[in-house]
Amino acid sequence: MPGSVVTHSARSTLSTFRSDPRALWPEHARKLYDYLVGIYGEDDILSTLAAAWIAHQRSVNTQKSYARGFRTFEEFARDHGEHPMAVKFVLADTFGMYLETTPTWVRVKGGRRGEMARTGKPYSDASRKNALSAASSFFVYLDKVSDDGVKNPFDAVQRPYIDPTYSPTPGYTEAEWARFVAVARDEHRVAAYRKRAYALLLRLYTCCLRINSLLNARMEDLGYDKGHRVLLLEEVKGGGRKKKPIPPATWDALMAYLDGRTTGWMFCTASGAQLDEPAVWRLLQYLAKRAGLPLRGPHALAKPDARPHDKVQAVGRPQGLPHHPALQPAPRTPR
């Protein structure tokens, strides 16, 4: 990358606008900008370009994973005395090899709050592929926004192959799931949270959703198509939208939890804020312990006959209801 581009002032680039466009950046773009400014200062355009690249991504999940992968790449380049925008093929290829053996960041047990150390296991194939894809995507973006063009140093770097149909997380059997869901519905120690926990677990189980898709869903994403209730999901990769049929049992549980609410996050806290992954993990940990089951995480919360990466079936006939009585809709009172 030409030196003039690397040292160009981000502040002067944005000074021609009547209002600062950074105010419209999504959360992960702003966080990456602040992180890079703390290292390179405001006069280095890297912070602005990297954050604008993150904001350019269509899905929140891609923004989050690419920002995380880019920080790993930036740290590597800086440790080797190279500006991230000036990396060439040799260092890019070395980055791929570095990821195979370097320990990951983990919290220091007994350390200060937020204290981290590289003492974890080496990066998984999926994490390595993400970091390499993020770095490559950044240079693709630079090439698009540059007047002179930028060569992507990651074009020839080999990436790990990931089987899209494989998941290392073991799932629950139908009987285990019945116990799990029944505990959420009837035995949660806080009665006010039972309807939310029950609806959340049924949504994961019957719709085979990723946890990010579940938590990013809003009330406005509920729809109706070809006689069936559907959820409009943001595509995990590539943006766009897709429709997920909602089985009747899950729809009944969801409506009971929502209690007439029509706006905001579908699964939210008592104050209306978006429910986050740590909160779901704590819920699953509590319910698993109470049900006498091992904790296997959100990725295990899928129907036994459905893989988490399967393509979504076309809307038409909804997915079948679970067979276990504990997972059937409540009986309706005759009019």
Protein backbone atom coordinates (compact mmCIF):
# COMPACT_ATOMS: atom_id res chain seq x y z
CA MET A 1 0.00 0.00 0.00
CA PRO A 2 1.45 3.39 -0.91
CA GLY A 3 2.73 5.29 2.08
CA SER A 4 0.65 8.34 1.19
CA VAL A 5 -2.51 6.31 1.68
CA VAL A 6 -1.40 4.86 5.00
CA THR A 7 -0.50 8.22 6.53
CA HIS A 8 -3.42 10.18 5.05
CA SER A 9 -5.39 11.92 7.79
CA ALA A 10 -8.75 10.40 8.56
CA ARG A 11 -9.81 13.65 10.18
CA SER A 12 -9.24 15.64 6.96
CA THR A 13 -11.03 12.94 4.94
CA LEU A 14 -14.20 13.45 6.99
CA SER A 15 -13.92 17.23 7.30
CA THR A 16 -15.73 17.87 4.01
CA PHE A 17 -18.99 16.39 5.33
CA ARG A 18 -21.56 18.61 7.01
CA SER A 19 -22.11 15.93 9.67
CA ASP A 20 -19.81 13.10 10.71
CA PRO A 21 -20.87 9.85 8.93
CA ARG A 22 -19.27 7.85 11.72
CA ALA A 23 -22.33 8.62 13.83
CA LEU A 24 -24.25 6.15 11.64
CA TRP A 25 -21.76 3.30 11.97
CA PRO A 26 -23.08 0.11 13.61
CA GLU A 27 -21.79 -1.02 17.00
CA HIS A 28 -18.93 -3.26 15.87
CA ALA A 29 -17.61 -0.65 13.43
CA ARG A 30 -17.49 1.97 16.18
CA LYS A 31 -15.78 -0.42 18.57
CA LEU A 32 -13.11 -1.32 16.00
CA TYR A 33 -12.55 2.36 15.22
CA ASP A 34 -12.01 3.22 18.89
CA TYR A 35 -9.67 0.25 19.31
CA LEU A 36 -7.51 1.23 16.31
CA VAL A 37 -7.47 4.94 17.19
CA GLY A 38 -6.10 3.97 20.59
CA ILE A 39 -3.16 2.29 18.84
CA TYR A 40 -2.54 4.37 15.70
CA GLY A 41 -4.10 7.72 16.57
CA GLU A 42 -6.66 9.71 14.60
CA ASP A 43 -4.18 10.81 11.93
CA ASP A 44 -3.82 7.28 10.52
CA ILE A 45 -6.58 6.45 8.05
CA LEU A 46 -6.50 2.75 9.00
CA SER A 47 -9.05 3.34 11.76
CA THR A 48 -11.56 4.97 9.43
CA LEU A 49 -11.11 2.53 6.55
CA ALA A 50 -11.30 -0.56 8.75
CA ALA A 51 -14.41 0.68 10.55
CA ALA A 52 -16.05 1.72 7.26
CA TRP A 53 -15.30 -1.77 5.91
CA ILE A 54 -17.01 -3.35 8.92
CA ALA A 55 -20.00 -1.04 8.51
CA HIS A 56 -20.13 -2.12 4.84
CA GLN A 57 -20.91 -5.74 5.83
CA ARG A 58 -24.58 -6.63 5.52
CA SER A 59 -25.19 -8.78 8.59
CA VAL A 60 -24.48 -8.04 12.25
CA ASN A 61 -22.94 -11.50 12.64
CA THR A 62 -20.46 -10.83 9.81
CA GLN A 63 -19.61 -7.42 11.27
CA LYS A 64 -18.85 -9.00 14.63
CA SER A 65 -16.81 -11.95 13.34
CA TYR A 66 -14.84 -9.87 10.80
CA ALA A 67 -14.01 -7.24 13.43
CA ARG A 68 -12.73 -9.98 15.73
CA GLY A 69 -10.70 -11.60 12.95
CA PHE A 70 -9.23 -8.27 11.85
CA ARG A 71 -8.04 -7.48 15.36
CA THR A 72 -6.13 -10.78 15.37
CA PHE A 73 -4.54 -9.88 12.01
CA GLU A 74 -3.72 -6.32 13.12
CA GLU A 75 -2.03 -7.56 16.28
CA PHE A 76 0.08 -10.00 14.24
CA ALA A 77 1.13 -7.33 11.72
CA ARG A 78 2.01 -4.85 14.48
CA ASP A 79 4.05 -7.45 16.39
CA HIS A 80 6.07 -8.00 13.19
CA GLY A 81 6.71 -4.29 12.70
CA GLU A 82 4.40 -3.87 9.71
CA HIS A 83 1.44 -1.59 9.17
CA PRO A 84 -1.67 -3.72 8.42
CA MET A 85 -2.32 -1.88 5.15
CA ALA A 86 1.25 -2.49 3.97
CA VAL A 87 1.29 -6.29 4.47
CA LYS A 88 2.55 -8.32 1.48
CA PHE A 89 2.07 -11.98 0.57
CA VAL A 90 4.99 -13.38 2.59
CA LEU A 91 3.71 -11.93 5.86
CA ALA A 92 0.09 -12.77 4.96
CA ASP A 93 1.06 -16.40 4.34
CA THR A 94 3.00 -16.45 7.61
CA PHE A 95 -0.11 -15.17 9.38
CA GLY A 96 -1.93 -18.33 8.29
CA MET A 97 0.82 -20.52 9.75
CA TYR A 98 0.95 -18.39 12.90
CA LEU A 99 -2.72 -19.11 13.58
CA GLU A 100 -2.08 -22.87 13.54
CA THR A 101 0.10 -22.84 16.65
CA THR A 102 -0.36 -19.61 18.58
CA PRO A 103 -2.42 -19.82 21.82
CA THR A 104 -5.73 -17.97 21.98
CA TRP A 105 -6.61 -15.21 24.43
CA VAL A 106 -8.29 -16.38 27.66
CA ARG A 107 -9.20 -14.59 30.86
CA VAL A 108 -6.59 -14.73 33.61
CA LYS A 109 -8.02 -16.70 36.53
CA GLY A 110 -7.78 -14.56 39.63
CA GLY A 111 -6.48 -11.61 37.60
CA ARG A 112 -7.78 -8.09 37.24
CA ARG A 113 -11.14 -7.52 35.61
CA GLY A 114 -10.76 -7.94 31.86
CA GLU A 115 -7.19 -9.21 32.15
CA MET A 116 -6.37 -11.59 29.28
CA ALA A 117 -3.39 -13.78 28.37
CA ARG A 118 -2.50 -15.98 25.38
CA THR A 119 -2.67 -19.26 27.25
CA GLY A 120 -5.63 -20.95 25.54
CA LYS A 121 -5.75 -23.67 22.90
CA PRO A 122 -4.60 -22.81 19.36
CA TYR A 123 -7.18 -21.38 16.99
CA SER A 124 -9.68 -23.85 15.58
CA ASP A 125 -10.00 -24.37 11.84
CA ALA A 126 -13.14 -22.25 11.85
CA SER A 127 -11.42 -19.40 13.74
CA ARG A 128 -8.39 -19.51 11.45
CA LYS A 129 -10.60 -19.41 8.37
CA ASN A 130 -12.53 -16.49 9.83
CA ALA A 131 -9.39 -14.46 10.56
CA LEU A 132 -7.96 -15.10 7.08
CA SER A 133 -11.30 -14.33 5.44
CA ALA A 134 -11.61 -11.11 7.43
CA ALA A 135 -8.13 -9.91 6.44
CA SER A 136 -8.74 -10.82 2.80
CA SER A 137 -12.12 -9.06 2.80
CA PHE A 138 -10.46 -5.91 4.16
CA PHE A 139 -8.04 -5.78 1.23
CA VAL A 140 -10.87 -6.46 -1.23
CA TYR A 141 -12.61 -3.42 0.26
CA LEU A 142 -9.45 -1.33 -0.04
CA ASP A 143 -9.22 -2.28 -3.71
CA LYS A 144 -12.80 -1.13 -4.28
CA VAL A 145 -12.39 2.26 -2.59
CA SER A 146 -8.87 2.99 -3.89
CA ASP A 147 -8.37 5.05 -7.04
CA ASP A 148 -5.22 3.12 -7.95
CA GLY A 149 -6.25 -0.38 -6.92
CA VAL A 150 -4.79 -2.54 -4.16
CA LYS A 151 -3.39 -6.05 -4.55
CA ASN A 152 -4.81 -8.51 -2.05
CA PRO A 153 -1.89 -10.29 -0.31
CA PHE A 154 -4.27 -13.03 0.89
CA ASP A 155 -5.33 -14.14 -2.60
CA ALA A 156 -2.84 -17.04 -2.62
CA VAL A 157 -3.02 -17.87 1.09
CA GLN A 158 -4.60 -21.28 1.71
CA ARG A 159 -7.49 -21.43 4.14
CA PRO A 160 -8.71 -24.41 6.20
CA TYR A 161 -11.52 -26.44 4.68
CA ILE A 162 -14.66 -26.46 6.83
CA ASP A 163 -17.34 -29.06 6.21
CA PRO A 164 -20.59 -27.04 6.32
CA THR A 165 -22.61 -30.07 7.43
CA TYR A 166 -20.45 -30.96 10.44
CA SER A 167 -20.95 -29.70 13.97
CA PRO A 168 -18.69 -30.90 16.83
CA THR A 169 -21.35 -30.06 19.41
CA PRO A 170 -23.36 -33.14 20.47
CA GLY A 171 -27.10 -32.65 20.51
CA TYR A 172 -29.78 -33.72 22.96
CA THR A 173 -32.05 -36.70 22.40
CA GLU A 174 -35.77 -36.05 22.09
CA ALA A 175 -36.35 -37.35 25.61
CA GLU A 176 -33.63 -35.04 26.98
CA TRP A 177 -35.11 -32.14 25.11
CA ALA A 178 -38.54 -32.89 26.47
CA ARG A 179 -37.11 -32.73 29.99
CA PHE A 180 -35.17 -29.54 29.20
CA VAL A 181 -38.21 -27.74 27.80
CA ALA A 182 -40.56 -28.98 30.52
CA VAL A 183 -38.23 -27.56 33.17
CA ALA A 184 -38.17 -24.20 31.36
CA ARG A 185 -41.97 -24.16 31.17
CA ASP A 186 -42.84 -25.38 34.67
CA GLU A 187 -39.85 -25.27 37.02
CA HIS A 188 -37.88 -22.07 36.43
CA ARG A 189 -37.39 -20.59 39.89
CA VAL A 190 -38.60 -17.17 38.63
CA ALA A 191 -42.17 -17.68 37.45
CA ALA A 192 -42.11 -14.43 35.45
CA TYR A 193 -39.31 -15.81 33.23
CA ARG A 194 -40.92 -19.17 32.46
CA LYS A 195 -42.83 -18.07 29.36
CA ARG A 196 -39.74 -16.42 27.87
CA ALA A 197 -37.52 -19.42 28.60
CA TYR A 198 -40.11 -21.84 27.18
CA ALA A 199 -40.62 -19.81 23.99
CA LEU A 200 -36.88 -19.32 23.52
CA LEU A 201 -36.07 -23.03 23.81
CA LEU A 202 -38.91 -24.05 21.49
CA ARG A 203 -37.76 -21.51 18.90
CA LEU A 204 -34.24 -22.94 18.96
CA TYR A 205 -35.47 -26.52 18.91
CA THR A 206 -38.22 -26.49 16.30
CA CYS A 207 -36.82 -23.80 13.97
CA CYS A 208 -33.16 -24.92 14.15
CA LEU A 209 -31.91 -21.34 14.58
CA ARG A 210 -28.47 -19.98 15.23
CA ILE A 211 -28.30 -18.13 18.53
CA ASN A 212 -27.39 -14.86 16.75
CA SER A 213 -30.40 -15.15 14.46
CA LEU A 214 -32.66 -15.77 17.44
CA LEU A 215 -31.40 -12.82 19.48
CA ASN A 216 -31.32 -10.38 16.54
CA ALA A 217 -34.94 -11.07 15.62
CA ARG A 218 -37.40 -8.21 16.16
CA MET A 219 -41.17 -8.20 16.36
CA GLU A 220 -41.28 -6.65 12.90
CA ASP A 221 -39.64 -9.83 11.53
CA LEU A 222 -42.72 -11.95 12.17
CA GLY A 223 -44.76 -12.58 9.04
CA TYR A 224 -47.33 -14.76 7.31
CA ASP A 225 -46.75 -16.65 4.07
CA LYS A 226 -48.72 -19.35 2.24
CA GLY A 227 -50.89 -20.04 5.24
CA HIS A 228 -48.05 -20.33 7.75
CA ARG A 229 -46.51 -18.10 10.39
CA VAL A 230 -42.91 -17.31 9.48
CA LEU A 231 -39.88 -15.52 10.85
CA LEU A 232 -37.88 -13.35 8.46
CA LEU A 233 -34.22 -13.96 9.24
CA GLU A 234 -31.16 -11.99 8.22
CA GLU A 235 -28.84 -14.30 6.29
CA VAL A 236 -25.77 -15.28 8.34
CA LYS A 237 -23.56 -14.96 5.28
CA GLY A 238 -23.98 -12.62 2.33
CA GLY A 239 -26.88 -10.60 3.73
CA GLY A 240 -30.39 -10.88 2.40
CA ARG A 241 -33.42 -12.40 4.11
CA LYS A 242 -34.91 -15.89 4.38
CA LYS A 243 -38.14 -17.26 5.82
CA LYS A 244 -38.36 -19.81 8.62
CA PRO A 245 -41.71 -21.54 9.24
CA ILE A 246 -42.87 -21.44 12.87
CA PRO A 247 -44.65 -24.63 14.01
CA PRO A 248 -47.98 -24.17 15.87
CA ALA A 249 -46.61 -25.26 19.27
CA THR A 250 -43.79 -22.74 19.01
CA TRP A 251 -46.16 -20.02 17.81
CA ASP A 252 -48.47 -20.59 20.79
CA ALA A 253 -45.55 -20.40 23.23
CA LEU A 254 -44.24 -17.24 21.56
CA MET A 255 -47.64 -15.51 21.67
CA ALA A 256 -48.05 -16.42 25.35
CA TYR A 257 -44.65 -14.89 26.11
CA LEU A 258 -45.20 -11.73 24.03
CA ASP A 259 -48.62 -11.12 25.61
CA GLY A 260 -49.71 -8.72 22.87
CA ARG A 261 -46.38 -6.91 22.42
CA THR A 262 -45.82 -5.90 18.76
CA THR A 263 -42.58 -3.87 18.74
CA GLY A 264 -38.97 -4.15 19.88
CA TRP A 265 -36.63 -7.10 20.29
CA MET A 266 -38.45 -10.42 20.20
CA PHE A 267 -36.48 -11.76 23.18
CA CYS A 268 -35.65 -8.94 25.54
CA THR A 269 -34.92 -8.11 29.15
CA ALA A 270 -37.47 -6.65 31.56
CA SER A 271 -36.39 -3.15 30.46
CA GLY A 272 -36.84 -3.95 26.76
CA ALA A 273 -33.13 -4.25 25.96
CA GLN A 274 -31.90 -6.98 23.64
CA LEU A 275 -31.23 -10.30 25.35
CA ASP A 276 -27.56 -11.22 24.83
CA GLU A 277 -25.64 -14.48 24.47
CA PRO A 278 -24.21 -14.51 28.02
CA ALA A 279 -27.76 -14.28 29.37
CA VAL A 280 -28.82 -17.25 27.22
CA TRP A 281 -25.79 -19.23 28.40
CA ARG A 282 -26.68 -18.54 32.03
CA LEU A 283 -30.27 -19.61 31.36
CA LEU A 284 -29.17 -22.85 29.69
CA GLN A 285 -26.69 -23.58 32.45
CA TYR A 286 -29.37 -23.13 35.10
CA LEU A 287 -31.99 -25.18 33.26
CA ALA A 288 -29.56 -27.99 32.41
CA LYS A 289 -28.50 -28.28 36.04
CA ARG A 290 -32.11 -28.27 37.23
CA ALA A 291 -33.03 -30.90 34.60
CA GLY A 292 -30.05 -33.09 35.48
CA LEU A 293 -28.60 -32.77 31.96
CA PRO A 294 -25.13 -31.81 30.69
CA LEU A 295 -24.73 -28.26 29.40
CA ARG A 296 -24.02 -28.39 25.67
CA GLY A 297 -24.64 -24.82 24.62
CA PRO A 298 -26.95 -23.12 22.08
CA HIS A 299 -25.49 -25.02 19.11
CA ALA A 300 -26.83 -28.28 20.56
CA LEU A 301 -30.32 -26.81 20.73
CA ALA A 302 -31.56 -28.17 17.43
CA LYS A 303 -33.90 -30.98 16.53
CA PRO A 304 -32.03 -34.32 16.50
CA ASP A 305 -32.81 -34.79 12.81
CA ALA A 306 -31.73 -31.30 11.74
CA ARG A 307 -28.20 -30.05 11.21
CA PRO A 308 -27.43 -26.46 12.22
CA HIS A 309 -26.03 -25.58 8.79
CA ASP A 310 -28.75 -27.20 6.65
CA LYS A 311 -30.37 -25.01 4.02
CA VAL A 312 -33.74 -23.70 5.05
CA GLN A 313 -36.64 -25.54 3.47
CA ALA A 314 -39.00 -23.50 1.32
CA VAL A 315 -42.02 -22.12 3.06
CA GLY A 316 -44.98 -24.35 2.46
CA ARG A 317 -45.50 -27.27 4.76
CA PRO A 318 -44.22 -26.33 8.24
CA GLN A 319 -41.67 -28.43 10.08
CA GLY A 320 -43.24 -31.32 12.01
CA LEU A 321 -44.17 -30.97 15.62
CA PRO A 322 -42.08 -32.79 18.22
CA HIS A 323 -43.62 -36.12 19.18
CA HIS A 324 -43.10 -35.92 22.93
CA PRO A 325 -46.22 -34.81 24.88
CA ALA A 326 -44.19 -32.24 26.84
CA LEU A 327 -43.48 -30.39 23.61
CA GLN A 328 -47.07 -30.29 22.31
CA PRO A 329 -49.18 -27.14 22.39
CA ALA A 330 -51.42 -26.67 25.40
CA PRO A 331 -54.97 -27.96 24.87
CA ARG A 332 -57.41 -25.29 23.77
CA THR A 333 -60.66 -24.67 25.65
CA PRO A 334 -63.67 -25.30 23.35
CA ARG A 335 -65.74 -22.24 22.60
